[in-house]
Each structure stands twice: as C-alpha cells, then as structure tokens.
Amino acid sequence: MLQRIAAVLVARNREFYRDTAGLIWNIMMPVMMIVAFAFIFGGGPDDLFKVGVLGDPDTAADATGFLATPHVNFVPVAEQDDAVTKIARHQLDLLVDTRGPGGAVTGYWVNPQSPNGQIVERLLLGAHARGAEAAPERRLAAGEALSYADWVLPGVLAMNVMFSSLWGVGWVVVRYRKNGVLRRLKATPLRPLEFLTAQVLSRLLVAMTSSVVVYLGALAILDFPMRGSYAALALVYIAGALCMISLGLLVASRLRTEELADGLLNLLAWPMVLLSGVWFSMEGTSAAAQWLSQLMPLTHVVDAARGIMIDGMGLVQILPQIVLLLALAAVLLATAARLFRWE
C-alpha cells in the first residue's frame, strides 16, 4: 500500500514541477503580494483611530493636548453633514468641532454603537479633565445609529458575488481546456463569443441566486437597513457580477492549468477584498491605497450598494457606477473572446 501511495505522490509532484508556469507562479505570487502590500501599507505603524476635525487641526487652540494624541489620525473635514454621515457609517470614529472662539474644541459627534468611537470619546473627555477645561458638548450622529454589521453587509454581498463569479468561470474553463472538452467543442459550429456568452449567463444566474440566498439568510438573522430600491440594488449586483465574470473569462482565455489560474485569480481577488472598503473604510489610508481602490471594480459595487441600502439612493444616483461596470464588462468580454483559444 505504501508503495502505491508513494508512486502516486511522485507522479503528482512530477506533474506539478513540469508545469513551469504554475511552479513559477506559486513561487512568485507570495513575493509579489508581500512587495505590493509593503509598498501600500509600509509607511510606519497604522493609526488606531480616525477623528474628523471641523476646522484646521494645525491651527486649532488645543489647550488639552487632545489633537496631539499619538496613534490617532486627525482628518480635516469641510462639510459638517458629510462628516456626521461618516460617523454613522463608522468611516470616522469621532468628529470634533474646533470652530469655536480661538479654535477651541466646543463639541463633538459620536456614534454610540461604535466601539472605537467610545474609546476616542474617553480620550477626549480625559484630556479635558486633565486640563481643567470644560467638557465639550456631546452630540450623536444624526439619524438612526448604524452598526458595523449594517455597514459591512453590502460589501460582504459584493464579495460573495466576486468570488462566485471569478472562480465559477475562470477555474472551470481552464479545467475544460485541460480535460479536452474545449477541443471537442472546437469541432462544432460554436464560436468563442457564443461559448463565453453562455458561460456568462450561466454563472450570472448562479451568482445572483446564491446572493439572494445569502441576503435572505442575513435578513433572517440581522435587522439591517434597506432604504433604497431592490431593483436598483439588483442592477448593481448584476452589473458587478457581469464585470467579475468577464474578468474571470479573460484570465482563463489561454491558461492550461488550474494551478496557474488559481494563482492569478487570487492575485486579482485578494487586493480587491482588502482595498475595496469591504471590511474597513478607506478613509485615512495612504494616497496609494485610495488610488488603487478606485481602479478596482469591487470598490464601485460596494459604494453603490452601500449608497442604496444605507443612504436610500435611487437609480439615477448610482447610474455612473452601473454604466462603468457594464462598460468594463463589455471590454473584458470582448478581449477574452479575442484572446480565447480552444486548446
């Protein structure tokens, strides 16, 4: 028995090592990921909290020393309403008003459901107590308080669409090519664009069905807000799925091994998971991270879905994101059809 196991083990290892592209990719991908994230996040220790400042934090009269608190990123903001909305969305932990006489902190806004907000509030009040200053006025974020689960759910749904779309076609098409299925289809009148279109429609149906199941499951467990139109939300996720499916088909257009396809799909997917605002706000991150975030399709899906579910945006307001995603899907699908090889 051990000899048979050893024989299969040796054969599988030889198969892997003879796949030069897959071998090189498995070695290079972790190195590339480390270098990329070191460049994006390598600017020193990250700040633990983000505090918005109405006014200029550099010129504010800070007798308490709060605005010099280490490991807190103080972000100047110009519009009070927008900043308060960010407090409700957990994009800012606290908002302080330094527009009083002499630039003193006269008040602050906090989300009572934000753990980070509660900690920074204690830092602010402690600084005023030590400086024998009057405590600033406490104000709650306008409107219904938003929990982290409420804020993160639209991004989780978008991430589910992304993974289902990328691997549902990218990995499968490569397996078809490796197993000879595509070679047999080549003998039929089927054209590459027709084959790819069928793959898109099939995976779109699966991705949307699974998303509905996830949404209904979350609805049964969580009491999250849905202030916009279900039709608009469906259009956003459909446009996002079409874009991601087309991207997966582009990756699979010529590859011959599942290992290489899996590596490329991971290289595309995980930066989007980390830099598209799914789990945390990109507010206050480095300029490079924010620039890369805007290049990623998932960012636009997440932003539009949050706008609908949390802010009650209508179709007209999120139309630019939908048009962008559909245009990108068309370009990617056309490129995939152009590059596609049956074998």
Protein backbone atom coordinates (compact mmCIF):
# COMPACT_ATOMS: atom_id res chain seq x y z
CA MET A 1 0.00 0.00 0.00
CA LEU A 2 2.80 2.43 0.91
CA GLN A 3 4.49 1.80 -2.43
CA ARG A 4 1.29 2.65 -4.32
CA ILE A 5 0.84 5.84 -2.29
CA ALA A 6 4.47 6.77 -2.90
CA ALA A 7 4.11 6.13 -6.65
CA VAL A 8 1.07 8.41 -6.90
CA LEU A 9 2.85 11.03 -4.77
CA VAL A 10 5.91 11.03 -7.02
CA ALA A 11 3.76 11.19 -10.16
CA ARG A 12 1.73 14.12 -8.86
CA ASN A 13 4.87 16.03 -7.82
CA ARG A 14 6.45 15.47 -11.24
CA GLU A 15 3.29 16.73 -12.91
CA PHE A 16 3.40 19.87 -10.79
CA TYR A 17 7.11 20.56 -11.31
CA ARG A 18 6.81 20.04 -15.08
CA ASP A 19 4.16 22.75 -15.21
CA THR A 20 6.72 25.55 -15.39
CA ALA A 21 4.19 28.38 -15.44
CA GLY A 22 2.32 27.06 -12.42
CA LEU A 23 5.54 26.42 -10.50
CA ILE A 24 6.93 29.90 -11.15
CA TRP A 25 3.61 31.49 -10.26
CA ASN A 26 3.34 29.64 -6.95
CA ILE A 27 6.79 30.96 -6.04
CA MET A 28 6.36 34.50 -7.34
CA MET A 29 2.82 35.30 -6.23
CA PRO A 30 3.54 35.41 -2.46
CA VAL A 31 6.61 37.58 -3.13
CA MET A 32 4.62 39.95 -5.33
CA MET A 33 1.84 40.20 -2.74
CA ILE A 34 4.33 41.00 0.04
CA VAL A 35 6.08 43.66 -2.04
CA ALA A 36 2.77 45.24 -3.11
CA PHE A 37 1.33 45.48 0.38
CA ALA A 38 4.64 46.63 1.83
CA PHE A 39 4.52 49.50 -0.67
CA ILE A 40 0.90 50.36 0.16
CA PHE A 41 0.95 49.93 3.92
CA GLY A 42 4.65 50.34 4.63
CA GLY A 43 4.52 53.92 5.83
CA GLY A 44 5.06 53.04 9.50
CA PRO A 45 2.64 51.85 12.17
CA ASP A 46 -1.01 52.46 11.29
CA ASP A 47 -3.05 54.89 13.34
CA LEU A 48 -5.56 53.15 15.58
CA PHE A 49 -8.34 55.74 15.30
CA LYS A 50 -9.63 58.30 12.80
CA VAL A 51 -11.01 61.60 14.09
CA GLY A 52 -12.55 64.22 11.83
CA VAL A 53 -11.81 67.86 12.65
CA LEU A 54 -14.14 70.66 11.62
CA GLY A 55 -11.59 73.39 11.12
CA ASP A 56 -7.82 73.19 10.77
CA PRO A 57 -6.23 70.84 13.34
CA ASP A 58 -2.86 72.55 12.85
CA THR A 59 -4.16 75.98 13.92
CA ALA A 60 -6.79 74.94 16.48
CA ALA A 61 -6.28 76.12 20.06
CA ASP A 62 -5.71 72.78 21.75
CA ALA A 63 -5.07 73.57 25.39
CA THR A 64 -5.88 69.98 26.38
CA GLY A 65 -3.40 68.35 24.01
CA PHE A 66 -6.05 66.04 22.56
CA LEU A 67 -5.23 66.92 18.94
CA ALA A 68 -1.66 65.75 19.57
CA THR A 69 -2.73 62.29 20.81
CA PRO A 70 -0.41 59.68 19.27
CA HIS A 71 -1.77 56.90 17.02
CA VAL A 72 -4.84 58.98 16.15
CA ASN A 73 -5.26 60.19 12.57
CA PHE A 74 -6.85 63.66 12.63
CA VAL A 75 -8.56 64.28 9.28
CA PRO A 76 -9.63 67.85 8.37
CA VAL A 77 -13.21 67.96 7.08
CA ALA A 78 -15.07 70.87 5.50
CA GLU A 79 -18.71 69.73 5.40
CA GLN A 80 -20.38 69.00 8.73
CA ASP A 81 -23.25 66.95 7.29
CA ASP A 82 -20.93 64.70 5.28
CA ALA A 83 -18.68 64.21 8.30
CA VAL A 84 -21.61 63.29 10.56
CA THR A 85 -22.73 60.76 7.96
CA LYS A 86 -19.24 59.22 8.08
CA ILE A 87 -19.57 58.91 11.86
CA ALA A 88 -22.81 56.97 11.38
CA ARG A 89 -21.09 54.74 8.82
CA HIS A 90 -18.02 54.03 11.02
CA GLN A 91 -15.80 55.78 8.50
CA LEU A 92 -14.76 58.20 11.26
CA ASP A 93 -14.54 57.30 14.95
CA LEU A 94 -15.20 60.81 16.24
CA LEU A 95 -15.85 64.30 14.88
CA VAL A 96 -14.67 67.33 16.86
CA ASP A 97 -15.70 70.92 16.24
CA THR A 98 -12.83 73.42 16.54
CA ARG A 99 -14.73 76.35 15.05
CA GLY A 100 -15.31 77.96 18.43
CA PRO A 101 -13.59 81.12 19.71
CA GLY A 102 -9.85 80.81 19.25
CA GLY A 103 -10.19 77.36 17.65
CA ALA A 104 -11.18 75.61 20.89
CA VAL A 105 -13.00 72.25 20.81
CA THR A 106 -16.59 73.19 21.62
CA GLY A 107 -18.37 69.96 20.75
CA TYR A 108 -18.09 66.53 19.20
CA TRP A 109 -20.18 63.87 17.46
CA VAL A 110 -20.01 60.16 18.22
CA ASN A 111 -21.81 57.02 17.09
CA PRO A 112 -22.98 55.27 20.29
CA GLN A 113 -22.71 51.89 18.54
CA SER A 114 -19.08 52.38 17.54
CA PRO A 115 -16.55 50.68 19.88
CA ASN A 116 -13.73 52.85 18.54
CA GLY A 117 -15.87 55.93 18.98
CA GLN A 118 -16.42 55.13 22.65
CA ILE A 119 -12.67 54.78 23.21
CA VAL A 120 -11.77 58.04 21.45
CA GLU A 121 -14.56 59.83 23.34
CA ARG A 122 -12.96 58.76 26.61
CA LEU A 123 -9.59 60.06 25.38
CA LEU A 124 -11.19 63.42 24.53
CA LEU A 125 -13.01 63.77 27.86
CA GLY A 126 -9.93 62.62 29.78
CA ALA A 127 -7.81 65.26 28.05
CA HIS A 128 -10.29 67.97 29.01
CA ALA A 129 -10.48 66.72 32.61
CA ARG A 130 -6.68 66.79 32.98
CA GLY A 131 -6.52 70.28 31.54
CA ALA A 132 -9.32 71.52 33.82
CA GLU A 133 -11.22 72.54 30.70
CA ALA A 134 -14.99 72.42 30.35
CA ALA A 135 -16.18 69.25 28.65
CA PRO A 136 -17.30 69.84 25.05
CA GLU A 137 -20.92 69.27 24.09
CA ARG A 138 -21.74 65.67 23.19
CA ARG A 139 -23.82 65.19 20.03
CA LEU A 140 -24.99 61.95 18.46
CA ALA A 141 -24.75 61.22 14.76
CA ALA A 142 -27.95 62.37 13.07
CA GLY A 143 -30.48 59.73 12.12
CA GLU A 144 -30.66 56.08 13.05
CA ALA A 145 -27.46 54.67 14.51
CA LEU A 146 -25.68 52.28 12.16
CA SER A 147 -23.97 49.16 13.46
CA TYR A 148 -20.83 47.74 11.92
CA ALA A 149 -22.83 44.73 10.67
CA ASP A 150 -25.21 47.11 8.87
CA TRP A 151 -22.28 48.94 7.29
CA VAL A 152 -20.33 45.84 6.22
CA LEU A 153 -23.20 43.73 4.82
CA PRO A 154 -23.37 45.37 1.34
CA GLY A 155 -19.64 44.74 0.96
CA VAL A 156 -19.96 41.11 2.06
CA LEU A 157 -22.69 40.54 -0.52
CA ALA A 158 -20.49 42.14 -3.20
CA MET A 159 -17.54 39.99 -2.14
CA ASN A 160 -19.70 36.86 -2.42
CA VAL A 161 -20.61 37.88 -5.98
CA MET A 162 -16.93 38.44 -6.79
CA PHE A 163 -15.69 35.05 -5.57
CA SER A 164 -18.59 33.18 -7.19
CA SER A 165 -18.05 34.97 -10.49
CA LEU A 166 -14.26 34.74 -10.74
CA TRP A 167 -13.79 31.11 -9.76
CA GLY A 168 -17.09 29.95 -11.24
CA VAL A 169 -15.85 30.59 -14.77
CA GLY A 170 -12.10 31.18 -14.54
CA TRP A 171 -11.20 27.88 -12.94
CA VAL A 172 -13.87 25.85 -14.76
CA VAL A 173 -12.94 26.98 -18.27
CA VAL A 174 -9.28 26.11 -17.65
CA ARG A 175 -10.35 22.67 -16.46
CA TYR A 176 -12.41 22.23 -19.65
CA ARG A 177 -9.34 23.07 -21.72
CA LYS A 178 -7.11 20.70 -19.75
CA ASN A 179 -9.60 17.83 -19.98
CA GLY A 180 -10.12 18.21 -23.72
CA VAL A 181 -13.71 19.43 -23.53
CA LEU A 182 -12.90 22.62 -25.42
CA ARG A 183 -11.06 20.69 -28.10
CA ARG A 184 -14.22 18.69 -28.81
CA LEU A 185 -16.34 21.86 -28.85
CA LYS A 186 -13.94 23.32 -31.41
CA ALA A 187 -15.23 20.76 -33.93
CA THR A 188 -18.75 22.23 -33.64
CA PRO A 189 -20.06 25.46 -35.24
CA LEU A 190 -19.82 27.11 -31.80
CA ARG A 191 -17.80 30.33 -31.84
CA PRO A 192 -15.72 31.62 -28.90
CA LEU A 193 -18.02 34.60 -28.23
CA GLU A 194 -21.05 32.31 -28.18
CA PHE A 195 -19.37 29.90 -25.77
CA LEU A 196 -18.23 32.71 -23.49
CA THR A 197 -21.65 34.40 -23.56
CA ALA A 198 -23.27 31.15 -22.45
CA GLN A 199 -20.73 30.88 -19.63
CA VAL A 200 -21.51 34.45 -18.55
CA LEU A 201 -25.28 33.88 -18.47
CA SER A 202 -24.94 30.57 -16.63
CA ARG A 203 -22.66 31.95 -13.95
CA LEU A 204 -24.75 35.13 -13.64
CA LEU A 205 -27.79 33.03 -12.79
CA VAL A 206 -25.84 31.04 -10.19
CA ALA A 207 -24.20 34.13 -8.64
CA MET A 208 -27.49 36.02 -8.35
CA THR A 209 -29.30 33.00 -6.90
CA SER A 210 -26.62 32.49 -4.26
CA SER A 211 -26.66 36.22 -3.46
CA VAL A 212 -30.43 36.13 -2.89
CA VAL A 213 -29.98 33.15 -0.55
CA VAL A 214 -27.22 34.98 1.39
CA TYR A 215 -29.35 38.14 1.57
CA LEU A 216 -32.40 36.26 2.87
CA GLY A 217 -30.24 34.42 5.40
CA ALA A 218 -28.78 37.69 6.65
CA LEU A 219 -32.27 39.20 6.77
CA ALA A 220 -33.44 36.35 9.00
CA ILE A 221 -30.58 36.95 11.45
CA LEU A 222 -29.82 40.68 11.27
CA ASP A 223 -32.06 43.73 11.35
CA PHE A 224 -30.15 45.71 8.74
CA PRO A 225 -31.42 48.78 6.86
CA MET A 226 -32.67 48.64 3.28
CA ARG A 227 -33.65 52.22 2.46
CA GLY A 228 -33.41 52.13 -1.32
CA SER A 229 -34.90 50.20 -4.20
CA TYR A 230 -34.48 46.44 -4.54
CA ALA A 231 -34.49 46.89 -8.31
CA ALA A 232 -31.57 49.32 -8.13
CA LEU A 233 -29.69 47.00 -5.75
CA ALA A 234 -30.24 44.06 -8.10
CA LEU A 235 -28.92 46.09 -11.05
CA VAL A 236 -25.77 46.99 -9.11
CA TYR A 237 -25.01 43.38 -8.24
CA ILE A 238 -25.85 42.17 -11.75
CA ALA A 239 -23.51 44.76 -13.27
CA GLY A 240 -20.82 43.79 -10.75
CA ALA A 241 -21.27 40.09 -11.47
CA LEU A 242 -21.04 40.65 -15.24
CA CYS A 243 -17.81 42.58 -14.75
CA MET A 244 -16.28 39.93 -12.49
CA ILE A 245 -17.36 37.04 -14.74
CA SER A 246 -15.83 38.77 -17.76
CA LEU A 247 -12.62 39.30 -15.78
CA GLY A 248 -12.55 35.60 -14.86
CA LEU A 249 -13.02 34.63 -18.52
CA LEU A 250 -10.18 36.93 -19.54
CA VAL A 251 -7.88 35.18 -17.06
CA ALA A 252 -8.96 31.76 -18.37
CA SER A 253 -8.82 32.65 -22.07
CA ARG A 254 -5.48 30.89 -22.67
CA LEU A 255 -4.33 29.19 -19.47
CA ARG A 256 -3.88 25.42 -19.41
CA THR A 257 -3.51 24.53 -15.72
CA GLU A 258 -5.78 25.06 -12.73
CA GLU A 259 -2.81 25.93 -10.51
CA LEU A 260 -1.82 28.93 -12.62
CA ALA A 261 -5.44 30.05 -12.97
CA ASP A 262 -5.95 29.79 -9.22
CA GLY A 263 -2.86 31.89 -8.58
CA LEU A 264 -3.91 34.64 -10.99
CA LEU A 265 -7.45 34.70 -9.62
CA ASN A 266 -6.11 35.02 -6.08
CA LEU A 267 -3.84 37.86 -7.18
CA LEU A 268 -6.87 39.69 -8.54
CA ALA A 269 -9.32 38.85 -5.77
CA TRP A 270 -7.47 39.45 -2.51
CA PRO A 271 -6.26 43.00 -3.25
CA MET A 272 -9.90 43.82 -4.06
CA VAL A 273 -11.05 42.29 -0.78
CA LEU A 274 -8.53 44.36 1.17
CA LEU A 275 -8.66 47.64 -0.76
CA SER A 276 -12.29 47.98 -1.85
CA GLY A 277 -13.71 49.04 1.50
CA VAL A 278 -15.45 45.73 2.21
CA TRP A 279 -14.25 45.34 5.81
CA PHE A 280 -12.98 48.82 6.66
CA SER A 281 -13.28 52.32 5.31
CA MET A 282 -10.53 53.57 3.03
CA GLU A 283 -10.86 56.98 4.71
CA GLY A 284 -7.48 57.99 6.12
CA THR A 285 -5.46 55.31 4.28
CA SER A 286 -2.47 56.21 2.14
CA ALA A 287 -2.92 58.02 -1.15
CA ALA A 288 -1.57 54.97 -3.00
CA ALA A 289 -4.14 52.68 -1.38
CA GLN A 290 -7.01 55.03 -2.20
CA TRP A 291 -5.82 55.40 -5.80
CA LEU A 292 -5.62 51.62 -6.25
CA SER A 293 -9.02 51.23 -4.63
CA GLN A 294 -10.66 53.38 -7.31
CA LEU A 295 -9.19 51.15 -10.04
CA MET A 296 -10.94 48.05 -8.67
CA PRO A 297 -14.43 47.05 -9.87
CA LEU A 298 -15.39 45.78 -6.43
CA THR A 299 -14.99 49.29 -4.97
CA HIS A 300 -17.72 50.65 -7.23
CA VAL A 301 -20.05 47.73 -6.47
CA VAL A 302 -19.58 48.22 -2.71
CA ASP A 303 -20.01 52.00 -2.86
CA ALA A 304 -23.19 51.78 -4.95
CA ALA A 305 -24.69 49.01 -2.81
CA ARG A 306 -24.00 50.95 0.40
CA GLY A 307 -25.49 54.05 -1.14
CA ILE A 308 -28.72 52.17 -1.88
CA MET A 309 -29.05 50.15 1.31
CA ILE A 310 -27.83 52.77 3.81
CA ASP A 311 -28.48 56.15 2.19
CA GLY A 312 -31.54 55.25 0.13
CA MET A 313 -30.00 56.36 -3.17
CA GLY A 314 -32.04 55.89 -6.31
CA LEU A 315 -31.13 54.51 -9.71
CA VAL A 316 -30.11 57.90 -11.10
CA GLN A 317 -27.61 58.46 -8.28
CA ILE A 318 -25.82 55.14 -8.73
CA LEU A 319 -26.14 55.09 -12.54
CA PRO A 320 -22.49 56.17 -13.09
CA GLN A 321 -21.24 53.08 -11.23
CA ILE A 322 -23.57 50.78 -13.18
CA VAL A 323 -22.52 52.26 -16.52
CA LEU A 324 -18.84 51.97 -15.58
CA LEU A 325 -19.20 48.31 -14.54
CA LEU A 326 -21.17 47.37 -17.67
CA ALA A 327 -18.69 49.15 -19.94
CA LEU A 328 -15.78 47.41 -18.24
CA ALA A 329 -17.61 44.06 -18.56
CA ALA A 330 -18.10 44.61 -22.30
CA VAL A 331 -14.42 45.47 -22.82
CA LEU A 332 -13.23 42.49 -20.78
CA LEU A 333 -15.59 40.05 -22.51
CA ALA A 334 -14.61 41.29 -25.97
CA THR A 335 -10.92 40.97 -25.06
CA ALA A 336 -11.48 37.47 -23.66
CA ALA A 337 -13.24 36.40 -26.88
CA ARG A 338 -10.38 37.85 -28.93
CA LEU A 339 -7.71 36.01 -26.92
CA PHE A 340 -9.66 32.78 -26.38
CA ARG A 341 -8.15 29.50 -27.55
CA TRP A 342 -9.93 26.17 -27.59
CA GLU A 343 -6.73 24.26 -26.79
